[in-house]
């Protein structure tokens, strides 16, 4: 009685993988294709099954299929040993990152307020909200703060806002001019009031820049892109006013 060879589905069932995976191993050269029998089906031997099992075991350990191919080509297993050590080191780094991430999440869960912001920025904005009350500019200012905070170097945005809040005169001026700006409507477009509000905004921005902000608490952002983003949800009158402000700010360099 002749030896009965295995069919691809039987090899896949023994290895616990799909026939598609076995065919993929053939396609990338991990598993030599056996000759077809007279009935047209490929016939697999025990050696083929063992090789498929080795491929699966190494892949389960985290080796890429390219690394599996290199490892199986090394009869002495030296390359496999090096690969395994490297993977173990990578897993140790991943474990450390996951542990640090878990600690940050647990710390975040104990915080009050908006968890999408940094603790420092959330605290400053809560303080600003108390000072501003129901100020119409609060939501816009909050979005601006969050946008700057997300930019490279934006981690200092909280200290910048705190510096403004610590100066009562600057804070009150800012609230007053922001209230005038928020009250601009489409009817004001092209009117002198836009120039008046723009002049107040420019004077306020200059004072913040010279009296309050320092190199340590001044965020560094792409000013052109940032100003375009801020101006994207303004009405036509506000956009004209904001344009005068941005033209002046861009001169400061």
C-alpha atoms as a PDB file:
ATOM      1  CA  UNK A   1       0.000   0.000   0.000  1.00  0.00           C
ATOM      2  CA  UNK A   2       1.506   3.317  -1.089  1.00  0.00           C
ATOM      3  CA  UNK A   3       2.085   6.273   1.207  1.00  0.00           C
ATOM      4  CA  UNK A   4      -0.898   8.637   1.463  1.00  0.00           C
ATOM      5  CA  UNK A   5       0.140  12.278   1.119  1.00  0.00           C
ATOM      6  CA  UNK A   6      -1.716  15.105   2.809  1.00  0.00           C
ATOM      7  CA  UNK A   7      -3.806  17.719   1.020  1.00  0.00           C
ATOM      8  CA  UNK A   8      -3.424  21.450   1.678  1.00  0.00           C
ATOM      9  CA  UNK A   9      -6.585  21.620   3.764  1.00  0.00           C
ATOM     10  CA  UNK A  10      -5.324  18.854   6.027  1.00  0.00           C
ATOM     11  CA  UNK A  11      -1.977  20.602   6.515  1.00  0.00           C
ATOM     12  CA  UNK A  12      -3.782  23.829   7.373  1.00  0.00           C
ATOM     13  CA  UNK A  13      -6.047  22.012   9.857  1.00  0.00           C
ATOM     14  CA  UNK A  14      -3.100  20.411  11.656  1.00  0.00           C
ATOM     15  CA  UNK A  15      -1.294  23.781  11.871  1.00  0.00           C
ATOM     16  CA  UNK A  16      -4.430  25.663  12.930  1.00  0.00           C
ATOM     17  CA  UNK A  17      -4.242  28.126  10.068  1.00  0.00           C
ATOM     18  CA  UNK A  18      -6.183  28.744   6.866  1.00  0.00           C
ATOM     19  CA  UNK A  19      -5.433  27.240   3.479  1.00  0.00           C
ATOM     20  CA  UNK A  20      -5.019  30.816   2.298  1.00  0.00           C
ATOM     21  CA  UNK A  21      -2.129  31.233   4.764  1.00  0.00           C
ATOM     22  CA  UNK A  22      -0.459  28.072   3.462  1.00  0.00           C
ATOM     23  CA  UNK A  23      -0.767  29.379  -0.090  1.00  0.00           C
ATOM     24  CA  UNK A  24       0.722  32.698   1.059  1.00  0.00           C
ATOM     25  CA  UNK A  25       3.708  30.816   2.524  1.00  0.00           C
ATOM     26  CA  UNK A  26       4.182  29.229  -0.889  1.00  0.00           C
ATOM     27  CA  UNK A  27       3.907  32.577  -2.660  1.00  0.00           C
ATOM     28  CA  UNK A  28       6.581  34.300  -0.519  1.00  0.00           C
ATOM     29  CA  UNK A  29       8.910  31.284  -0.598  1.00  0.00           C
ATOM     30  CA  UNK A  30       8.538  30.208   3.038  1.00  0.00           C
ATOM     31  CA  UNK A  31       7.196  26.798   2.055  1.00  0.00           C
ATOM     32  CA  UNK A  32       8.345  24.947  -1.068  1.00  0.00           C
ATOM     33  CA  UNK A  33       5.484  23.930  -3.312  1.00  0.00           C
ATOM     34  CA  UNK A  34       5.190  20.157  -3.474  1.00  0.00           C
ATOM     35  CA  UNK A  35       4.672  18.403  -6.779  1.00  0.00           C
ATOM     36  CA  UNK A  36       1.117  17.807  -7.865  1.00  0.00           C
ATOM     37  CA  UNK A  37      -0.174  14.288  -7.842  1.00  0.00           C
ATOM     38  CA  UNK A  38      -1.877  12.597 -10.771  1.00  0.00           C
ATOM     39  CA  UNK A  39      -5.259  13.837  -9.540  1.00  0.00           C
ATOM     40  CA  UNK A  40      -4.053  17.475  -9.719  1.00  0.00           C
ATOM     41  CA  UNK A  41      -3.805  18.016  -5.958  1.00  0.00           C
ATOM     42  CA  UNK A  42      -0.560  18.902  -4.192  1.00  0.00           C
ATOM     43  CA  UNK A  43       0.694  16.183  -1.892  1.00  0.00           C
ATOM     44  CA  UNK A  44       2.277  17.259   1.402  1.00  0.00           C
ATOM     45  CA  UNK A  45       4.603  15.199   3.561  1.00  0.00           C
ATOM     46  CA  UNK A  46       5.239  15.342   7.301  1.00  0.00           C
ATOM     47  CA  UNK A  47       8.276  17.577   6.722  1.00  0.00           C
ATOM     48  CA  UNK A  48       5.987  20.166   5.122  1.00  0.00           C
ATOM     49  CA  UNK A  49       3.653  20.038   8.118  1.00  0.00           C
ATOM     50  CA  UNK A  50       6.568  20.538  10.525  1.00  0.00           C
ATOM     51  CA  UNK A  51       7.834  23.528   8.530  1.00  0.00           C
ATOM     52  CA  UNK A  52       4.370  25.126   8.563  1.00  0.00           C
ATOM     53  CA  UNK A  53       4.186  24.541  12.327  1.00  0.00           C
ATOM     54  CA  UNK A  54       7.587  26.208  12.761  1.00  0.00           C
ATOM     55  CA  UNK A  55       6.501  29.194  10.684  1.00  0.00           C
ATOM     56  CA  UNK A  56       3.384  29.620  12.763  1.00  0.00           C
ATOM     57  CA  UNK A  57       5.231  29.224  16.073  1.00  0.00           C
ATOM     58  CA  UNK A  58       7.848  31.828  15.149  1.00  0.00           C
ATOM     59  CA  UNK A  59       5.204  34.220  13.808  1.00  0.00           C
ATOM     60  CA  UNK A  60       3.279  33.847  17.071  1.00  0.00           C
ATOM     61  CA  UNK A  61       6.449  34.906  18.907  1.00  0.00           C
ATOM     62  CA  UNK A  62       6.379  38.180  16.998  1.00  0.00           C
ATOM     63  CA  UNK A  63       8.754  37.541  14.115  1.00  0.00           C
ATOM     64  CA  UNK A  64       7.868  39.015  10.753  1.00  0.00           C
ATOM     65  CA  UNK A  65       7.581  36.532   7.908  1.00  0.00           C
ATOM     66  CA  UNK A  66      10.860  37.889   6.487  1.00  0.00           C
ATOM     67  CA  UNK A  67      12.520  37.200   9.840  1.00  0.00           C
ATOM     68  CA  UNK A  68      10.942  33.740   9.910  1.00  0.00           C
ATOM     69  CA  UNK A  69      12.428  33.020   6.485  1.00  0.00           C
ATOM     70  CA  UNK A  70      15.887  34.132   7.651  1.00  0.00           C
ATOM     71  CA  UNK A  71      15.601  32.123  10.848  1.00  0.00           C
ATOM     72  CA  UNK A  72      14.534  28.912   9.084  1.00  0.00           C
ATOM     73  CA  UNK A  73      17.381  29.301   6.575  1.00  0.00           C
ATOM     74  CA  UNK A  74      19.892  29.257   9.459  1.00  0.00           C
ATOM     75  CA  UNK A  75      20.452  25.611  10.331  1.00  0.00           C
ATOM     76  CA  UNK A  76      22.320  26.421  13.540  1.00  0.00           C
ATOM     77  CA  UNK A  77      19.655  28.796  14.822  1.00  0.00           C
ATOM     78  CA  UNK A  78      22.154  31.586  15.491  1.00  0.00           C
ATOM     79  CA  UNK A  79      20.180  34.230  13.600  1.00  0.00           C
ATOM     80  CA  UNK A  80      16.964  33.112  15.258  1.00  0.00           C
ATOM     81  CA  UNK A  81      18.582  33.535  18.670  1.00  0.00           C
ATOM     82  CA  UNK A  82      19.597  37.112  17.815  1.00  0.00           C
ATOM     83  CA  UNK A  83      16.137  37.890  16.459  1.00  0.00           C
ATOM     84  CA  UNK A  84      14.458  36.498  19.573  1.00  0.00           C
ATOM     85  CA  UNK A  85      16.697  38.618  21.834  1.00  0.00           C
ATOM     86  CA  UNK A  86      15.852  41.728  19.799  1.00  0.00           C
ATOM     87  CA  UNK A  87      12.123  40.999  19.968  1.00  0.00           C
ATOM     88  CA  UNK A  88      12.365  40.457  23.727  1.00  0.00           C
ATOM     89  CA  UNK A  89      14.066  43.854  24.061  1.00  0.00           C
ATOM     90  CA  UNK A  90      11.377  45.506  21.902  1.00  0.00           C
ATOM     91  CA  UNK A  91       8.674  43.938  24.052  1.00  0.00           C
ATOM     92  CA  UNK A  92      10.371  45.280  27.183  1.00  0.00           C
ATOM     93  CA  UNK A  93      10.259  48.795  25.708  1.00  0.00           C
ATOM     94  CA  UNK A  94       6.609  48.354  24.746  1.00  0.00           C
ATOM     95  CA  UNK A  95       5.850  47.123  28.248  1.00  0.00           C
ATOM     96  CA  UNK A  96       7.481  50.213  29.751  1.00  0.00           C
ATOM     97  CA  UNK A  97       5.496  52.500  27.424  1.00  0.00           C
ATOM     98  CA  UNK A  98       2.255  50.709  28.238  1.00  0.00           C
ATOM     99  CA  UNK A  99       2.958  50.951  31.967  1.00  0.00           C
ATOM    100  CA  UNK A 100       3.658  54.684  31.666  1.00  0.00           C
ATOM    101  CA  UNK A 101       0.513  55.163  29.578  1.00  0.00           C
ATOM    102  CA  UNK A 102      -1.545  53.263  32.150  1.00  0.00           C
ATOM    103  CA  UNK A 103      -0.186  55.473  34.950  1.00  0.00           C
ATOM    104  CA  UNK A 104      -1.062  58.615  32.962  1.00  0.00           C
ATOM    105  CA  UNK A 105      -4.585  57.318  32.349  1.00  0.00           C
ATOM    106  CA  UNK A 106      -5.099  56.497  36.019  1.00  0.00           C
ATOM    107  CA  UNK A 107      -3.829  59.964  36.972  1.00  0.00           C
ATOM    108  CA  UNK A 108      -6.168  61.486  34.399  1.00  0.00           C
ATOM    109  CA  UNK A 109      -9.126  59.610  35.854  1.00  0.00           C
ATOM    110  CA  UNK A 110      -8.618  61.343  39.217  1.00  0.00           C
ATOM    111  CA  UNK A 111      -8.738  64.835  37.705  1.00  0.00           C
ATOM    112  CA  UNK A 112     -11.754  67.084  37.604  1.00  0.00           C
ATOM    113  CA  UNK A 113     -12.818  69.189  34.644  1.00  0.00           C
ATOM    114  CA  UNK A 114     -12.090  68.680  30.966  1.00  0.00           C
ATOM    115  CA  UNK A 115      -9.892  65.598  30.585  1.00  0.00           C
ATOM    116  CA  UNK A 116      -9.065  66.387  26.942  1.00  0.00           C
ATOM    117  CA  UNK A 117      -6.773  69.244  28.049  1.00  0.00           C
ATOM    118  CA  UNK A 118      -3.516  69.172  29.950  1.00  0.00           C
ATOM    119  CA  UNK A 119      -3.969  69.585  33.691  1.00  0.00           C
ATOM    120  CA  UNK A 120      -2.204  72.976  33.581  1.00  0.00           C
ATOM    121  CA  UNK A 121      -4.306  74.338  30.717  1.00  0.00           C
ATOM    122  CA  UNK A 122      -7.560  73.005  32.203  1.00  0.00           C
ATOM    123  CA  UNK A 123      -6.770  74.761  35.482  1.00  0.00           C
ATOM    124  CA  UNK A 124      -5.931  78.070  33.792  1.00  0.00           C
ATOM    125  CA  UNK A 125      -9.059  77.972  31.609  1.00  0.00           C
ATOM    126  CA  UNK A 126     -11.206  77.241  34.651  1.00  0.00           C
ATOM    127  CA  UNK A 127      -9.657  80.294  36.304  1.00  0.00           C
ATOM    128  CA  UNK A 128     -10.231  82.346  33.142  1.00  0.00           C
ATOM    129  CA  UNK A 129     -13.874  81.212  32.997  1.00  0.00           C
ATOM    130  CA  UNK A 130     -14.419  82.444  36.556  1.00  0.00           C
ATOM    131  CA  UNK A 131     -12.958  85.833  35.640  1.00  0.00           C
ATOM    132  CA  UNK A 132     -14.853  86.051  32.365  1.00  0.00           C
ATOM    133  CA  UNK A 133     -18.225  84.831  33.624  1.00  0.00           C
ATOM    134  CA  UNK A 134     -20.595  84.527  30.686  1.00  0.00           C
ATOM    135  CA  UNK A 135     -18.266  86.479  28.402  1.00  0.00           C
ATOM    136  CA  UNK A 136     -19.223  85.913  24.741  1.00  0.00           C
ATOM    137  CA  UNK A 137     -15.581  85.339  23.771  1.00  0.00           C
ATOM    138  CA  UNK A 138     -14.964  82.504  26.222  1.00  0.00           C
ATOM    139  CA  UNK A 139     -15.653  79.616  23.847  1.00  0.00           C
ATOM    140  CA  UNK A 140     -13.545  81.175  21.098  1.00  0.00           C
ATOM    141  CA  UNK A 141     -10.696  81.855  23.539  1.00  0.00           C
ATOM    142  CA  UNK A 142     -10.908  78.286  24.765  1.00  0.00           C
ATOM    143  CA  UNK A 143     -10.590  76.923  21.226  1.00  0.00           C
ATOM    144  CA  UNK A 144      -7.634  79.230  20.563  1.00  0.00           C
ATOM    145  CA  UNK A 145      -5.907  78.064  23.752  1.00  0.00           C
ATOM    146  CA  UNK A 146      -6.439  74.419  22.863  1.00  0.00           C
ATOM    147  CA  UNK A 147      -5.153  74.971  19.329  1.00  0.00           C
ATOM    148  CA  UNK A 148      -1.983  76.725  20.496  1.00  0.00           C
ATOM    149  CA  UNK A 149      -1.491  74.114  23.192  1.00  0.00           C
ATOM    150  CA  UNK A 150      -1.454  71.348  20.581  1.00  0.00           C
ATOM    151  CA  UNK A 151       1.266  73.054  18.506  1.00  0.00           C
ATOM    152  CA  UNK A 152       4.985  72.250  18.966  1.00  0.00           C
ATOM    153  CA  UNK A 153       6.154  74.192  21.998  1.00  0.00           C
ATOM    154  CA  UNK A 154       2.532  74.698  23.022  1.00  0.00           C
ATOM    155  CA  UNK A 155       3.127  73.242  26.471  1.00  0.00           C
ATOM    156  CA  UNK A 156       3.910  76.803  27.658  1.00  0.00           C
ATOM    157  CA  UNK A 157       0.467  78.096  26.670  1.00  0.00           C
ATOM    158  CA  UNK A 158      -0.853  77.584  30.202  1.00  0.00           C
ATOM    159  CA  UNK A 159       1.882  79.773  31.677  1.00  0.00           C
ATOM    160  CA  UNK A 160       1.202  82.406  28.995  1.00  0.00           C
ATOM    161  CA  UNK A 161      -2.486  82.562  29.880  1.00  0.00           C
ATOM    162  CA  UNK A 162      -1.653  82.567  33.583  1.00  0.00           C
ATOM    163  CA  UNK A 163       0.698  85.512  33.035  1.00  0.00           C
ATOM    164  CA  UNK A 164      -2.162  87.462  31.440  1.00  0.00           C
ATOM    165  CA  UNK A 165      -4.565  86.518  34.241  1.00  0.00           C
ATOM    166  CA  UNK A 166      -2.048  87.605  36.865  1.00  0.00           C
ATOM    167  CA  UNK A 167      -2.148  91.135  35.438  1.00  0.00           C
ATOM    168  CA  UNK A 168      -5.582  92.511  36.374  1.00  0.00           C
ATOM    169  CA  UNK A 169      -5.337  95.582  34.148  1.00  0.00           C
ATOM    170  CA  UNK A 170      -4.346  93.557  31.085  1.00  0.00           C
ATOM    171  CA  UNK A 171      -7.055  90.974  31.827  1.00  0.00           C
ATOM    172  CA  UNK A 172      -9.828  93.565  32.112  1.00  0.00           C
ATOM    173  CA  UNK A 173      -8.693  95.308  28.942  1.00  0.00           C
ATOM    174  CA  UNK A 174      -8.652  91.991  27.131  1.00  0.00           C
ATOM    175  CA  UNK A 175     -12.176  91.125  28.271  1.00  0.00           C
ATOM    176  CA  UNK A 176     -13.435  94.561  27.249  1.00  0.00           C
ATOM    177  CA  UNK A 177     -11.961  94.572  23.758  1.00  0.00           C
ATOM    178  CA  UNK A 178     -12.951  90.938  23.198  1.00  0.00           C
ATOM    179  CA  UNK A 179     -16.529  91.852  24.098  1.00  0.00           C
ATOM    180  CA  UNK A 180     -16.499  94.646  21.506  1.00  0.00           C
ATOM    181  CA  UNK A 181     -15.032  92.295  18.925  1.00  0.00           C
ATOM    182  CA  UNK A 182     -17.670  89.613  19.563  1.00  0.00           C
ATOM    183  CA  UNK A 183     -20.442  92.208  19.130  1.00  0.00           C
ATOM    184  CA  UNK A 184     -19.319  93.083  15.600  1.00  0.00           C
ATOM    185  CA  UNK A 185     -21.987  92.002  13.133  1.00  0.00           C
ATOM    186  CA  UNK A 186     -22.385  91.894   9.372  1.00  0.00           C
ATOM    187  CA  UNK A 187     -23.945  95.399   9.542  1.00  0.00           C
ATOM    188  CA  UNK A 188     -20.634  96.792  10.816  1.00  0.00           C
ATOM    189  CA  UNK A 189     -18.691  95.692   7.749  1.00  0.00           C
ATOM    190  CA  UNK A 190     -16.905  98.645   6.173  1.00  0.00           C
ATOM    191  CA  UNK A 191     -17.761 101.012   9.036  1.00  0.00           C
ATOM    192  CA  UNK A 192     -15.326 103.047  11.184  1.00  0.00           C
ATOM    193  CA  UNK A 193     -16.173 100.890  14.214  1.00  0.00           C
ATOM    194  CA  UNK A 194     -14.050  98.113  12.701  1.00  0.00           C
ATOM    195  CA  UNK A 195     -10.999 100.367  12.674  1.00  0.00           C
ATOM    196  CA  UNK A 196     -11.691 101.394  16.274  1.00  0.00           C
ATOM    197  CA  UNK A 197     -11.950  97.826  17.531  1.00  0.00           C
ATOM    198  CA  UNK A 198      -8.901  96.791  15.506  1.00  0.00           C
ATOM    199  CA  UNK A 199      -6.882  99.635  17.036  1.00  0.00           C
ATOM    200  CA  UNK A 200      -7.884  98.482  20.544  1.00  0.00           C
ATOM    201  CA  UNK A 201      -6.975  94.881  19.717  1.00  0.00           C
ATOM    202  CA  UNK A 202      -3.589  95.925  18.347  1.00  0.00           C
ATOM    203  CA  UNK A 203      -2.798  98.054  21.395  1.00  0.00           C
ATOM    204  CA  UNK A 204      -3.862  95.223  23.693  1.00  0.00           C
ATOM    205  CA  UNK A 205      -1.776  92.653  21.783  1.00  0.00           C
ATOM    206  CA  UNK A 206       1.249  94.952  21.897  1.00  0.00           C
ATOM    207  CA  UNK A 207       0.932  95.394  25.654  1.00  0.00           C
ATOM    208  CA  UNK A 208       0.544  91.651  26.215  1.00  0.00           C
ATOM    209  CA  UNK A 209       3.628  91.065  24.103  1.00  0.00           C
ATOM    210  CA  UNK A 210       5.810  93.669  25.826  1.00  0.00           C
ATOM    211  CA  UNK A 211       4.482  93.722  29.400  1.00  0.00           C
ATOM    212  CA  UNK A 212       3.362  90.166  30.104  1.00  0.00           C
ATOM    213  CA  UNK A 213       4.894  87.531  27.873  1.00  0.00           C
ATOM    214  CA  UNK A 214       8.498  86.439  28.276  1.00  0.00           C
ATOM    215  CA  UNK A 215      10.685  84.008  26.363  1.00  0.00           C
ATOM    216  CA  UNK A 216       9.714  81.367  28.917  1.00  0.00           C
ATOM    217  CA  UNK A 217       5.957  81.632  28.509  1.00  0.00           C
ATOM    218  CA  UNK A 218       5.499  82.804  24.907  1.00  0.00           C
ATOM    219  CA  UNK A 219       4.258  79.930  22.699  1.00  0.00           C
ATOM    220  CA  UNK A 220       6.010  79.474  19.354  1.00  0.00           C
ATOM    221  CA  UNK A 221       3.532  78.736  16.571  1.00  0.00           C
ATOM    222  CA  UNK A 222       3.255  79.089  12.808  1.00  0.00           C
ATOM    223  CA  UNK A 223       1.701  82.554  13.068  1.00  0.00           C
ATOM    224  CA  UNK A 224       0.332  82.689   9.515  1.00  0.00           C
ATOM    225  CA  UNK A 225      -1.343  79.296   9.737  1.00  0.00           C
ATOM    226  CA  UNK A 226      -2.570  79.937  13.273  1.00  0.00           C
ATOM    227  CA  UNK A 227      -4.086  83.312  12.401  1.00  0.00           C
ATOM    228  CA  UNK A 228      -5.808  81.836   9.343  1.00  0.00           C
ATOM    229  CA  UNK A 229      -7.308  79.102  11.523  1.00  0.00           C
ATOM    230  CA  UNK A 230      -8.552  81.629  14.098  1.00  0.00           C
ATOM    231  CA  UNK A 231     -10.100  83.772  11.378  1.00  0.00           C
ATOM    232  CA  UNK A 232     -11.887  80.887   9.697  1.00  0.00           C
ATOM    233  CA  UNK A 233     -15.089  81.079  11.780  1.00  0.00           C
ATOM    234  CA  UNK A 234     -15.593  84.874  11.889  1.00  0.00           C
ATOM    235  CA  UNK A 235     -18.313  86.918  10.246  1.00  0.00           C
ATOM    236  CA  UNK A 236     -17.318  89.444   7.571  1.00  0.00           C
ATOM    237  CA  UNK A 237     -16.973  92.388   9.981  1.00  0.00           C
ATOM    238  CA  UNK A 238     -14.925  90.377  12.452  1.00  0.00           C
ATOM    239  CA  UNK A 239     -12.804  89.059   9.594  1.00  0.00           C
ATOM    240  CA  UNK A 240     -11.998  92.601   8.434  1.00  0.00           C
ATOM    241  CA  UNK A 241     -11.117  93.620  11.980  1.00  0.00           C
ATOM    242  CA  UNK A 242      -9.054  90.504  12.562  1.00  0.00           C
ATOM    243  CA  UNK A 243      -7.261  91.067   9.261  1.00  0.00           C
ATOM    244  CA  UNK A 244      -6.051  94.472  10.472  1.00  0.00           C
ATOM    245  CA  UNK A 245      -4.779  92.827  13.667  1.00  0.00           C
ATOM    246  CA  UNK A 246      -3.005  90.001  11.863  1.00  0.00           C
ATOM    247  CA  UNK A 247      -1.376  92.391   9.398  1.00  0.00           C
ATOM    248  CA  UNK A 248       0.101  94.257  12.346  1.00  0.00           C
ATOM    249  CA  UNK A 249       1.170  91.124  14.233  1.00  0.00           C
ATOM    250  CA  UNK A 250       2.977  89.755  11.188  1.00  0.00           C
ATOM    251  CA  UNK A 251       5.092  92.890  11.105  1.00  0.00           C
ATOM    252  CA  UNK A 252       6.453  92.037  14.548  1.00  0.00           C
ATOM    253  CA  UNK A 253       8.225  88.954  13.215  1.00  0.00           C
END
